[in-house]
N, C-alpha and C. Protein backbone atom coordinates (compact mmCIF):
# COMPACT_ATOMS: atom_id res chain seq x y z
N ARG A 1 -101.46 43.49 40.95
CA ARG A 1 -100.01 43.30 41.76
C ARG A 1 -99.08 44.08 40.73
N GLY A 2 -99.18 44.38 39.62
CA GLY A 2 -98.32 45.23 38.75
C GLY A 2 -98.31 46.61 39.07
N THR A 3 -99.40 47.24 39.40
CA THR A 3 -99.43 48.64 39.71
C THR A 3 -99.75 48.94 41.06
N ALA A 4 -99.68 48.17 42.08
CA ALA A 4 -99.92 48.45 43.37
C ALA A 4 -98.77 49.32 44.05
N CYS A 5 -97.47 49.21 43.67
CA CYS A 5 -96.53 50.07 44.08
C CYS A 5 -95.97 50.98 43.13
N ARG A 6 -96.84 51.17 42.00
CA ARG A 6 -96.39 52.05 40.93
C ARG A 6 -96.19 53.62 41.28
N ALA A 7 -95.20 54.18 41.06
CA ALA A 7 -95.28 55.69 41.15
C ALA A 7 -96.26 56.25 40.73
N PRO A 8 -97.18 57.09 41.43
CA PRO A 8 -98.16 58.11 41.05
C PRO A 8 -97.85 59.15 39.83
N THR A 9 -98.55 59.25 38.93
CA THR A 9 -98.26 60.41 37.70
C THR A 9 -99.64 60.68 37.19
N THR A 10 -99.29 61.94 36.63
CA THR A 10 -100.63 62.48 36.05
C THR A 10 -100.53 62.12 34.64
N GLU A 11 -99.44 61.44 33.99
CA GLU A 11 -99.30 61.10 32.65
C GLU A 11 -100.66 60.24 32.25
N LYS A 12 -100.96 60.56 31.05
CA LYS A 12 -101.95 59.80 30.29
C LYS A 12 -101.22 58.70 29.36
N PHE A 13 -102.05 57.60 29.10
CA PHE A 13 -101.21 56.92 28.03
C PHE A 13 -100.96 57.39 26.68
N GLY A 14 -100.05 57.30 26.24
CA GLY A 14 -99.47 58.01 24.96
C GLY A 14 -99.24 59.33 24.90
N LYS A 15 -99.19 59.87 26.15
CA LYS A 15 -99.04 61.61 26.27
C LYS A 15 -97.95 61.72 27.43
N PRO A 16 -96.71 61.22 27.15
CA PRO A 16 -95.80 61.65 28.26
C PRO A 16 -95.55 63.12 28.69
N ILE A 17 -95.15 63.37 29.84
CA ILE A 17 -95.01 64.77 30.25
C ILE A 17 -93.43 64.79 30.27
N ALA A 18 -92.93 65.71 29.42
CA ALA A 18 -91.47 65.97 29.27
C ALA A 18 -90.82 66.35 30.70
N GLY A 19 -89.74 65.92 31.00
CA GLY A 19 -89.14 65.97 32.25
C GLY A 19 -89.68 65.17 33.56
N SER A 20 -90.97 64.48 33.31
CA SER A 20 -91.51 63.92 34.57
C SER A 20 -90.66 62.65 34.84
N ILE A 21 -90.74 62.33 35.95
CA ILE A 21 -89.87 60.96 36.44
C ILE A 21 -90.25 59.88 35.66
N PRO A 22 -91.54 59.50 35.32
CA PRO A 22 -91.82 58.26 34.46
C PRO A 22 -91.34 58.34 33.19
N THR A 23 -91.30 59.67 32.64
CA THR A 23 -90.73 59.83 31.08
C THR A 23 -89.34 59.68 31.06
N ILE A 24 -88.45 60.22 32.11
CA ILE A 24 -87.01 60.06 32.28
C ILE A 24 -86.74 58.55 32.31
N ILE A 25 -87.47 57.71 33.32
CA ILE A 25 -87.16 56.40 33.43
C ILE A 25 -87.33 55.59 32.28
N ARG A 26 -88.56 55.90 31.55
CA ARG A 26 -88.76 55.25 30.54
C ARG A 26 -87.75 55.53 29.20
N ALA A 27 -87.41 56.58 29.10
CA ALA A 27 -86.37 56.68 28.23
C ALA A 27 -84.97 55.94 28.62
N TYR A 28 -84.60 56.26 29.71
CA TYR A 28 -83.34 55.68 30.22
C TYR A 28 -83.37 54.19 30.05
N LYS A 29 -84.51 53.48 30.29
CA LYS A 29 -84.72 51.95 30.33
C LYS A 29 -84.65 51.66 28.58
N ALA A 30 -85.28 52.38 27.92
CA ALA A 30 -85.14 52.24 26.50
C ALA A 30 -83.77 52.34 25.87
N ALA A 31 -83.13 53.42 26.22
CA ALA A 31 -81.52 53.45 25.58
C ALA A 31 -80.81 52.27 26.42
N VAL A 32 -81.05 51.97 27.27
CA VAL A 32 -79.86 50.95 28.17
C VAL A 32 -80.36 49.69 27.26
N SER A 33 -81.73 49.49 27.35
CA SER A 33 -81.97 48.07 26.72
C SER A 33 -81.60 48.09 25.36
N LYS A 34 -81.80 49.06 24.64
CA LYS A 34 -81.23 48.99 23.21
C LYS A 34 -79.97 48.50 23.16
N LYS A 35 -78.98 49.34 23.90
CA LYS A 35 -77.59 49.16 23.81
C LYS A 35 -77.11 47.84 24.25
N ILE A 36 -77.74 47.20 25.33
CA ILE A 36 -77.55 45.84 25.97
C ILE A 36 -77.81 44.78 24.86
N HIS A 37 -79.11 44.98 24.32
CA HIS A 37 -79.50 43.94 23.07
C HIS A 37 -78.34 44.18 21.75
N GLU A 38 -78.16 45.27 21.49
CA GLU A 38 -77.10 45.36 20.36
C GLU A 38 -75.81 44.66 20.74
N VAL A 39 -75.13 44.86 22.05
CA VAL A 39 -73.98 44.30 22.38
C VAL A 39 -73.76 42.99 22.80
N TYR A 40 -74.85 42.65 23.50
CA TYR A 40 -74.93 41.08 24.07
C TYR A 40 -75.85 40.26 23.00
N LYS A 41 -76.44 40.79 22.17
CA LYS A 41 -77.36 39.96 21.29
C LYS A 41 -78.35 39.10 22.05
N ILE A 42 -78.88 39.69 22.94
CA ILE A 42 -79.93 38.92 23.75
C ILE A 42 -81.19 39.35 23.52
N SER A 43 -82.36 38.59 23.59
CA SER A 43 -83.81 38.96 23.10
C SER A 43 -84.81 39.08 24.24
N HIS A 44 -84.28 38.68 25.50
CA HIS A 44 -85.35 38.72 26.59
C HIS A 44 -85.07 40.05 27.42
N ALA A 45 -86.26 40.31 28.15
CA ALA A 45 -86.46 41.60 28.85
C ALA A 45 -85.27 41.60 29.93
N ILE A 46 -84.83 42.88 30.21
CA ILE A 46 -83.69 43.11 31.01
C ILE A 46 -84.26 43.85 32.33
N TRP A 47 -85.38 44.43 32.23
CA TRP A 47 -85.95 45.30 33.26
C TRP A 47 -87.14 44.48 33.94
N GLN A 48 -87.58 44.91 35.04
CA GLN A 48 -88.53 44.46 35.77
C GLN A 48 -89.68 45.68 35.34
N ARG A 49 -91.05 45.35 35.23
CA ARG A 49 -91.90 46.17 34.72
C ARG A 49 -91.96 47.55 35.24
N ASN A 50 -92.21 47.61 36.68
CA ASN A 50 -92.27 48.92 37.15
C ASN A 50 -91.10 49.30 37.91
N TYR A 51 -91.21 50.31 38.93
CA TYR A 51 -90.14 50.87 39.78
C TYR A 51 -90.62 51.27 40.84
N TYR A 52 -89.96 51.32 42.03
CA TYR A 52 -90.62 52.13 43.10
C TYR A 52 -89.84 53.53 43.43
N GLU A 53 -90.69 54.36 43.92
CA GLU A 53 -90.28 55.69 44.06
C GLU A 53 -90.26 56.23 45.47
N ARG A 54 -89.28 56.61 46.23
CA ARG A 54 -89.51 56.95 47.61
C ARG A 54 -88.56 58.21 47.89
N VAL A 55 -89.11 58.84 48.83
CA VAL A 55 -88.37 59.93 49.46
C VAL A 55 -87.16 59.59 50.41
N VAL A 56 -86.02 59.88 50.01
CA VAL A 56 -85.13 59.57 50.77
C VAL A 56 -84.84 60.67 52.13
N ARG A 57 -85.12 60.18 53.26
CA ARG A 57 -85.28 61.30 54.34
C ARG A 57 -84.06 61.57 55.37
N ASN A 58 -82.91 60.77 55.09
CA ASN A 58 -81.64 61.29 55.74
C ASN A 58 -80.62 60.41 55.09
N GLU A 59 -79.41 60.67 56.00
CA GLU A 59 -78.16 60.19 55.38
C GLU A 59 -78.16 58.51 55.46
N LYS A 60 -78.75 58.22 56.64
CA LYS A 60 -78.70 56.66 56.88
C LYS A 60 -79.45 56.00 55.97
N GLU A 61 -80.63 56.49 55.32
CA GLU A 61 -81.45 55.84 54.35
C GLU A 61 -80.63 56.13 53.06
N LEU A 62 -80.17 57.18 52.69
CA LEU A 62 -79.33 57.38 51.45
C LEU A 62 -78.25 56.27 51.57
N LYS A 63 -77.53 56.06 52.67
CA LYS A 63 -76.42 55.13 52.44
C LYS A 63 -76.73 53.81 52.31
N ALA A 64 -77.92 53.33 53.00
CA ALA A 64 -78.48 51.94 52.88
C ALA A 64 -78.92 51.85 51.39
N LEU A 65 -79.72 52.95 50.80
CA LEU A 65 -80.17 52.68 49.29
C LEU A 65 -78.89 52.53 48.43
N ARG A 66 -78.09 53.35 48.75
CA ARG A 66 -76.70 53.18 47.79
C ARG A 66 -76.20 51.72 47.70
N GLU A 67 -75.93 51.22 48.95
CA GLU A 67 -75.75 49.92 49.18
C GLU A 67 -76.32 48.89 48.24
N TYR A 68 -77.56 49.04 48.60
CA TYR A 68 -78.61 48.24 47.95
C TYR A 68 -78.23 48.07 46.29
N ILE A 69 -78.25 49.41 45.91
CA ILE A 69 -78.11 49.50 44.48
C ILE A 69 -76.71 49.03 44.04
N ARG A 70 -75.67 49.34 44.77
CA ARG A 70 -74.42 48.83 44.39
C ARG A 70 -74.45 47.14 44.54
N ASN A 71 -74.83 46.67 45.46
CA ASN A 71 -74.87 45.17 45.54
C ASN A 71 -75.89 44.30 44.98
N ASN A 72 -77.10 44.88 44.66
CA ASN A 72 -78.27 44.12 43.98
C ASN A 72 -77.67 43.33 42.69
N PRO A 73 -76.94 44.02 41.85
CA PRO A 73 -76.61 43.04 40.62
C PRO A 73 -75.78 41.67 41.05
N ILE A 74 -75.09 41.83 42.04
CA ILE A 74 -74.41 40.64 42.39
C ILE A 74 -75.17 39.59 42.74
N LYS A 75 -76.34 39.69 43.29
CA LYS A 75 -77.37 38.90 43.76
C LYS A 75 -78.13 38.06 42.60
N TRP A 76 -78.00 38.65 41.41
CA TRP A 76 -78.75 38.35 40.33
C TRP A 76 -78.59 36.76 40.07
N GLU A 77 -77.33 36.39 40.16
CA GLU A 77 -76.90 35.14 39.92
C GLU A 77 -77.93 33.98 40.74
N LEU A 78 -78.26 34.45 42.08
CA LEU A 78 -79.16 33.62 42.92
C LEU A 78 -80.41 33.86 42.65
N ASP A 79 -80.99 34.77 42.06
CA ASP A 79 -82.28 35.27 41.85
C ASP A 79 -83.16 34.06 41.24
N PRO A 80 -84.14 33.55 41.82
CA PRO A 80 -85.17 32.54 41.28
C PRO A 80 -85.79 33.05 39.93
N GLU A 81 -85.87 34.35 39.58
CA GLU A 81 -86.43 34.81 38.48
C GLU A 81 -85.24 34.96 37.24
N ASN A 82 -84.16 34.75 37.64
CA ASN A 82 -83.19 34.80 36.61
C ASN A 82 -83.17 33.47 35.54
N PRO A 83 -83.42 33.86 34.40
CA PRO A 83 -83.49 32.54 33.57
C PRO A 83 -82.19 31.88 33.23
N HIS A 84 -81.07 32.39 33.58
CA HIS A 84 -79.85 31.71 33.43
C HIS A 84 -79.34 31.46 34.66
N LYS A 85 -80.04 31.19 35.74
CA LYS A 85 -79.57 30.86 37.21
C LYS A 85 -78.78 29.62 36.99
N LYS A 86 -77.78 29.38 37.73
CA LYS A 86 -76.94 28.33 37.58
C LYS A 86 -77.26 27.52 38.89
N SER A 87 -77.51 26.02 38.50
CA SER A 87 -77.90 25.17 39.52
C SER A 87 -76.73 24.98 40.56
N LYS A 88 -76.90 24.58 41.71
CA LYS A 88 -76.03 24.19 42.72
C LYS A 88 -74.88 23.17 42.19
N SER A 89 -75.33 22.49 41.26
CA SER A 89 -74.44 21.31 40.85
C SER A 89 -73.49 21.93 39.91
N GLU A 90 -73.49 23.18 39.29
CA GLU A 90 -72.63 23.85 38.39
C GLU A 90 -71.34 24.30 39.06
């Protein structure tokens, strides 16, 4: 399940390829995680394990993806995987 939709790569474990998408994503997630943990003093993970990579084929798809990215954090409060999800009674 964890690797079924994973971005294909020629990277070998422990041998990142400079400038590759997996290396860039890994560095970005590490830097953001470090800053969030410093500022908010949290210890739990903040990222999903993997990510999806896709080719954006036209303006309509690009607009839909941008809207998804913009609105997705708002939905976190309702996500069943959110460890701090508020119950309906709150």
